[in-house]
Amino acid sequence: MMFNLILLQAEGAAQQGSQWSFWIMMILIFVVFYFFMIRPQTKKQKELQAQREAMKKGDKVVTAGGIYGEIKEVQETTFIITIAKDVTIKVSKDSVFADASDAVQAAAKDEKK
């Protein structure tokens, strides 16, 4: 009888330990996801939003649809973009990115100085 009681207590302690190891593992998985996936993505989104807020008239941009143009007018939530002579379009700020070729040219000019 005494031996059975000791075995039951040992099994209960083993289950208690496995529950703790489960929760520790879940917390570790969440921490890994946060630092390797969630945090970098939110940081990238903040940088992109700051870049969009800094855009001004005359900047060369690319829309999410792949249309290259130059900002003609900045409004609260939209840009008016010139894509050809006498052709302008109105696009949401969320769908506009800085033109990478413009940044490469600026970096080349800085290296020459």
N, C-alpha and C. Protein backbone atom coordinates (compact mmCIF):
# COMPACT_ATOMS: atom_id res chain seq x y z
N MET A 1 0.82 -1.19 0.00
CA MET A 1 0.00 0.00 0.00
C MET A 1 0.86 1.26 0.00
N MET A 2 1.86 1.26 0.84
CA MET A 2 2.75 2.41 0.96
C MET A 2 3.51 2.62 -0.35
N PHE A 3 3.90 1.53 -0.96
CA PHE A 3 4.65 1.59 -2.22
C PHE A 3 3.80 2.21 -3.33
N ASN A 4 2.52 1.86 -3.40
CA ASN A 4 1.60 2.42 -4.40
C ASN A 4 1.43 3.92 -4.22
N LEU A 5 1.36 4.37 -2.98
CA LEU A 5 1.21 5.79 -2.68
C LEU A 5 2.43 6.57 -3.15
N ILE A 6 3.60 6.02 -2.95
CA ILE A 6 4.84 6.67 -3.39
C ILE A 6 4.87 6.76 -4.91
N LEU A 7 4.45 5.69 -5.61
CA LEU A 7 4.43 5.70 -7.06
C LEU A 7 3.45 6.75 -7.60
N LEU A 8 2.28 6.89 -6.99
CA LEU A 8 1.29 7.88 -7.42
C LEU A 8 1.83 9.30 -7.23
N GLN A 9 2.51 9.54 -6.13
CA GLN A 9 3.10 10.86 -5.89
C GLN A 9 4.19 11.16 -6.91
N ALA A 10 4.98 10.17 -7.28
CA ALA A 10 6.04 10.36 -8.27
C ALA A 10 5.45 10.66 -9.64
N GLU A 11 4.37 9.97 -10.01
CA GLU A 11 3.71 10.24 -11.29
C GLU A 11 3.11 11.64 -11.31
N GLY A 12 2.52 12.07 -10.21
CA GLY A 12 1.96 13.43 -10.12
C GLY A 12 3.05 14.48 -10.27
N ALA A 13 4.19 14.24 -9.67
CA ALA A 13 5.31 15.19 -9.78
C ALA A 13 5.83 15.23 -11.22
N ALA A 14 5.85 14.09 -11.89
CA ALA A 14 6.32 14.04 -13.28
C ALA A 14 5.36 14.81 -14.18
N GLN A 15 4.05 14.66 -13.96
CA GLN A 15 3.09 15.40 -14.76
C GLN A 15 3.19 16.89 -14.48
N GLN A 16 3.40 17.25 -13.24
CA GLN A 16 3.57 18.66 -12.88
C GLN A 16 4.78 19.24 -13.60
N GLY A 17 5.87 18.49 -13.65
CA GLY A 17 7.07 18.95 -14.35
C GLY A 17 6.85 19.08 -15.84
N SER A 18 6.10 18.15 -16.44
CA SER A 18 5.86 18.23 -17.87
C SER A 18 4.96 19.43 -18.21
N GLN A 19 4.04 19.78 -17.32
CA GLN A 19 3.21 20.97 -17.55
C GLN A 19 4.07 22.23 -17.52
N TRP A 20 4.99 22.29 -16.57
CA TRP A 20 5.88 23.46 -16.51
C TRP A 20 6.75 23.54 -17.76
N SER A 21 7.28 22.42 -18.18
CA SER A 21 8.14 22.44 -19.37
C SER A 21 7.34 22.84 -20.61
N PHE A 22 6.07 22.46 -20.68
CA PHE A 22 5.21 22.88 -21.79
C PHE A 22 5.06 24.40 -21.82
N TRP A 23 4.75 24.99 -20.69
CA TRP A 23 4.55 26.45 -20.64
C TRP A 23 5.85 27.21 -20.89
N ILE A 24 6.94 26.68 -20.38
CA ILE A 24 8.24 27.32 -20.64
C ILE A 24 8.56 27.27 -22.12
N MET A 25 8.29 26.15 -22.76
CA MET A 25 8.53 26.01 -24.19
C MET A 25 7.64 26.96 -24.99
N MET A 26 6.38 27.09 -24.62
CA MET A 26 5.47 28.01 -25.31
C MET A 26 5.95 29.46 -25.18
N ILE A 27 6.40 29.84 -24.01
CA ILE A 27 6.91 31.21 -23.80
C ILE A 27 8.15 31.43 -24.64
N LEU A 28 9.04 30.47 -24.69
CA LEU A 28 10.25 30.60 -25.50
C LEU A 28 9.92 30.72 -26.98
N ILE A 29 8.95 29.97 -27.45
CA ILE A 29 8.54 30.07 -28.86
C ILE A 29 7.98 31.46 -29.15
N PHE A 30 7.16 31.99 -28.25
CA PHE A 30 6.62 33.34 -28.43
C PHE A 30 7.73 34.38 -28.47
N VAL A 31 8.70 34.26 -27.57
CA VAL A 31 9.83 35.21 -27.53
C VAL A 31 10.61 35.16 -28.84
N VAL A 32 10.86 33.96 -29.35
CA VAL A 32 11.59 33.82 -30.61
C VAL A 32 10.80 34.44 -31.75
N PHE A 33 9.50 34.18 -31.83
CA PHE A 33 8.67 34.79 -32.86
C PHE A 33 8.68 36.30 -32.76
N TYR A 34 8.62 36.81 -31.54
CA TYR A 34 8.59 38.27 -31.35
C TYR A 34 9.89 38.90 -31.86
N PHE A 35 11.02 38.37 -31.43
CA PHE A 35 12.29 39.01 -31.79
C PHE A 35 12.73 38.75 -33.23
N PHE A 36 12.30 37.66 -33.84
CA PHE A 36 12.73 37.37 -35.19
C PHE A 36 11.70 37.66 -36.26
N MET A 37 10.44 37.86 -35.89
CA MET A 37 9.42 38.11 -36.91
C MET A 37 8.60 39.37 -36.65
N ILE A 38 8.03 39.49 -35.49
CA ILE A 38 7.12 40.60 -35.22
C ILE A 38 7.86 41.92 -35.07
N ARG A 39 8.88 41.96 -34.25
CA ARG A 39 9.62 43.20 -34.00
C ARG A 39 10.26 43.78 -35.25
N PRO A 40 10.98 43.00 -36.06
CA PRO A 40 11.56 43.56 -37.28
C PRO A 40 10.50 44.09 -38.25
N GLN A 41 9.36 43.40 -38.32
CA GLN A 41 8.31 43.84 -39.23
C GLN A 41 7.72 45.18 -38.79
N THR A 42 7.47 45.35 -37.49
CA THR A 42 6.93 46.63 -37.02
C THR A 42 7.95 47.74 -37.17
N LYS A 43 9.22 47.43 -36.98
CA LYS A 43 10.28 48.42 -37.17
C LYS A 43 10.33 48.86 -38.63
N LYS A 44 10.22 47.91 -39.54
CA LYS A 44 10.23 48.21 -40.97
C LYS A 44 9.03 49.06 -41.35
N GLN A 45 7.86 48.75 -40.79
CA GLN A 45 6.64 49.52 -41.07
C GLN A 45 6.79 50.97 -40.59
N LYS A 46 7.37 51.16 -39.41
CA LYS A 46 7.58 52.51 -38.87
C LYS A 46 8.53 53.30 -39.76
N GLU A 47 9.59 52.67 -40.23
CA GLU A 47 10.55 53.33 -41.12
C GLU A 47 9.89 53.72 -42.44
N LEU A 48 9.08 52.83 -42.97
CA LEU A 48 8.38 53.10 -44.22
C LEU A 48 7.39 54.25 -44.05
N GLN A 49 6.69 54.28 -42.93
CA GLN A 49 5.74 55.36 -42.67
C GLN A 49 6.48 56.70 -42.52
N ALA A 50 7.60 56.70 -41.84
CA ALA A 50 8.39 57.93 -41.69
C ALA A 50 8.90 58.40 -43.04
N GLN A 51 9.30 57.46 -43.89
CA GLN A 51 9.78 57.80 -45.23
C GLN A 51 8.65 58.43 -46.05
N ARG A 52 7.46 57.88 -45.94
CA ARG A 52 6.32 58.43 -46.69
C ARG A 52 5.96 59.83 -46.19
N GLU A 53 6.05 60.04 -44.88
CA GLU A 53 5.74 61.36 -44.33
C GLU A 53 6.78 62.41 -44.77
N ALA A 54 8.00 61.96 -45.05
CA ALA A 54 9.06 62.88 -45.44
C ALA A 54 9.04 63.20 -46.93
N MET A 55 8.24 62.49 -47.71
CA MET A 55 8.19 62.75 -49.15
C MET A 55 7.62 64.12 -49.42
N LYS A 56 8.19 64.77 -50.43
CA LYS A 56 7.77 66.13 -50.76
C LYS A 56 7.66 66.29 -52.27
N LYS A 57 7.19 67.43 -52.67
CA LYS A 57 7.02 67.73 -54.09
C LYS A 57 8.36 67.59 -54.80
N GLY A 58 8.34 66.91 -55.95
CA GLY A 58 9.55 66.73 -56.74
C GLY A 58 10.26 65.40 -56.52
N ASP A 59 9.90 64.66 -55.47
CA ASP A 59 10.52 63.36 -55.22
C ASP A 59 10.05 62.34 -56.25
N LYS A 60 10.97 61.49 -56.67
CA LYS A 60 10.61 60.41 -57.60
C LYS A 60 10.14 59.23 -56.77
N VAL A 61 9.02 58.62 -57.20
CA VAL A 61 8.41 57.53 -56.45
C VAL A 61 7.97 56.40 -57.37
N VAL A 62 7.65 55.28 -56.75
CA VAL A 62 7.07 54.13 -57.45
C VAL A 62 5.83 53.73 -56.68
N THR A 63 4.73 53.50 -57.39
CA THR A 63 3.51 53.05 -56.72
C THR A 63 3.57 51.55 -56.51
N ALA A 64 2.66 51.03 -55.70
CA ALA A 64 2.60 49.59 -55.46
C ALA A 64 2.28 48.84 -56.74
N GLY A 65 1.66 49.50 -57.70
CA GLY A 65 1.34 48.88 -58.98
C GLY A 65 2.49 48.93 -59.97
N GLY A 66 3.61 49.55 -59.59
CA GLY A 66 4.78 49.59 -60.46
C GLY A 66 4.84 50.81 -61.36
N ILE A 67 4.07 51.84 -61.08
CA ILE A 67 4.08 53.05 -61.90
C ILE A 67 5.10 54.03 -61.34
N TYR A 68 6.03 54.45 -62.18
CA TYR A 68 7.05 55.41 -61.79
C TYR A 68 6.55 56.82 -62.07
N GLY A 69 6.86 57.74 -61.17
CA GLY A 69 6.45 59.11 -61.39
C GLY A 69 7.14 60.06 -60.43
N GLU A 70 6.68 61.30 -60.47
CA GLU A 70 7.24 62.36 -59.63
C GLU A 70 6.09 63.04 -58.90
N ILE A 71 6.28 63.28 -57.61
CA ILE A 71 5.23 63.89 -56.81
C ILE A 71 5.01 65.33 -57.26
N LYS A 72 3.77 65.64 -57.60
CA LYS A 72 3.40 66.99 -58.01
C LYS A 72 2.78 67.75 -56.84
N GLU A 73 2.01 67.03 -56.01
CA GLU A 73 1.32 67.67 -54.89
C GLU A 73 1.16 66.66 -53.76
N VAL A 74 1.33 67.14 -52.54
CA VAL A 74 1.16 66.31 -51.35
C VAL A 74 -0.12 66.74 -50.65
N GLN A 75 -1.02 65.78 -50.42
CA GLN A 75 -2.24 66.05 -49.67
C GLN A 75 -2.21 65.26 -48.38
N GLU A 76 -3.26 65.33 -47.60
CA GLU A 76 -3.26 64.69 -46.29
C GLU A 76 -3.07 63.18 -46.36
N THR A 77 -3.82 62.51 -47.20
CA THR A 77 -3.71 61.04 -47.29
C THR A 77 -3.35 60.56 -48.69
N THR A 78 -3.14 61.48 -49.63
CA THR A 78 -2.85 61.09 -51.01
C THR A 78 -1.73 61.93 -51.59
N PHE A 79 -1.19 61.44 -52.71
CA PHE A 79 -0.24 62.18 -53.52
C PHE A 79 -0.83 62.37 -54.91
N ILE A 80 -0.55 63.49 -55.54
CA ILE A 80 -0.82 63.68 -56.95
C ILE A 80 0.53 63.46 -57.63
N ILE A 81 0.58 62.46 -58.51
CA ILE A 81 1.85 62.06 -59.14
C ILE A 81 1.76 62.28 -60.63
N THR A 82 2.82 62.91 -61.19
CA THR A 82 2.94 63.08 -62.63
C THR A 82 3.68 61.86 -63.17
N ILE A 83 3.03 61.15 -64.11
CA ILE A 83 3.66 59.94 -64.66
C ILE A 83 4.10 60.14 -66.11
N ALA A 84 3.62 61.17 -66.75
CA ALA A 84 4.03 61.53 -68.11
C ALA A 84 3.64 63.00 -68.30
N LYS A 85 4.05 63.57 -69.41
CA LYS A 85 3.72 64.97 -69.68
C LYS A 85 2.20 65.13 -69.69
N ASP A 86 1.70 66.00 -68.85
CA ASP A 86 0.27 66.31 -68.72
C ASP A 86 -0.58 65.11 -68.28
N VAL A 87 0.04 64.12 -67.63
CA VAL A 87 -0.71 62.97 -67.11
C VAL A 87 -0.41 62.87 -65.61
N THR A 88 -1.46 63.06 -64.80
CA THR A 88 -1.30 62.96 -63.36
C THR A 88 -2.29 61.95 -62.81
N ILE A 89 -1.89 61.31 -61.71
CA ILE A 89 -2.78 60.36 -61.04
C ILE A 89 -2.78 60.69 -59.55
N LYS A 90 -3.87 60.33 -58.91
CA LYS A 90 -4.00 60.52 -57.47
C LYS A 90 -3.93 59.14 -56.82
N VAL A 91 -2.97 58.97 -55.91
CA VAL A 91 -2.79 57.66 -55.26
C VAL A 91 -2.70 57.84 -53.75
N SER A 92 -3.06 56.79 -53.04
CA SER A 92 -2.97 56.78 -51.59
C SER A 92 -1.50 56.79 -51.16
N LYS A 93 -1.21 57.46 -50.05
CA LYS A 93 0.16 57.48 -49.54
C LYS A 93 0.65 56.08 -49.18
N ASP A 94 -0.29 55.21 -48.80
CA ASP A 94 0.10 53.85 -48.40
C ASP A 94 0.60 53.01 -49.56
N SER A 95 0.35 53.44 -50.80
CA SER A 95 0.76 52.63 -51.95
C SER A 95 1.93 53.24 -52.70
N VAL A 96 2.68 54.13 -52.04
CA VAL A 96 3.80 54.81 -52.70
C VAL A 96 5.10 54.50 -51.96
N PHE A 97 6.15 54.24 -52.74
CA PHE A 97 7.48 53.96 -52.20
C PHE A 97 8.48 54.88 -52.87
N ALA A 98 9.57 55.20 -52.17
CA ALA A 98 10.62 56.02 -52.77
C ALA A 98 11.28 55.24 -53.89
N ASP A 99 11.63 55.93 -54.95
CA ASP A 99 12.27 55.30 -56.10
C ASP A 99 13.71 54.93 -55.72
N ALA A 100 14.06 53.67 -55.78
CA ALA A 100 15.38 53.20 -55.38
C ALA A 100 16.47 53.75 -56.29
N SER A 101 16.19 53.91 -57.57
CA SER A 101 17.21 54.42 -58.48
C SER A 101 17.58 55.85 -58.12
N ASP A 102 16.64 56.60 -57.59
CA ASP A 102 16.91 57.96 -57.14
C ASP A 102 17.89 57.95 -55.97
N ALA A 103 17.73 57.01 -55.05
CA ALA A 103 18.62 56.89 -53.90
C ALA A 103 20.03 56.47 -54.33
N VAL A 104 20.12 55.59 -55.33
CA VAL A 104 21.42 55.14 -55.82
C VAL A 104 22.17 56.31 -56.46
N GLN A 105 21.48 57.13 -57.22
CA GLN A 105 22.10 58.29 -57.85
C GLN A 105 22.58 59.29 -56.79
N ALA A 106 21.81 59.49 -55.76
CA ALA A 106 22.20 60.42 -54.68
C ALA A 106 23.44 59.90 -53.95
N ALA A 107 23.51 58.58 -53.73
CA ALA A 107 24.66 57.99 -53.06
C ALA A 107 25.91 58.13 -53.93
N ALA A 108 25.76 57.98 -55.23
CA ALA A 108 26.90 58.11 -56.16
C ALA A 108 27.41 59.55 -56.15
N LYS A 109 26.53 60.51 -56.08
CA LYS A 109 26.95 61.92 -56.03
C LYS A 109 27.70 62.21 -54.74
N ASP A 110 27.24 61.63 -53.62
CA ASP A 110 27.90 61.84 -52.35
C ASP A 110 29.31 61.25 -52.34
N GLU A 111 29.52 60.12 -53.02
CA GLU A 111 30.83 59.49 -53.08
C GLU A 111 31.82 60.32 -53.88
N LYS A 112 31.33 61.03 -54.89
CA LYS A 112 32.19 61.85 -55.72
C LYS A 112 32.68 63.09 -54.99
N LYS A 113 31.94 63.56 -54.03
CA LYS A 113 32.31 64.79 -53.31
C LYS A 113 33.46 64.59 -52.40
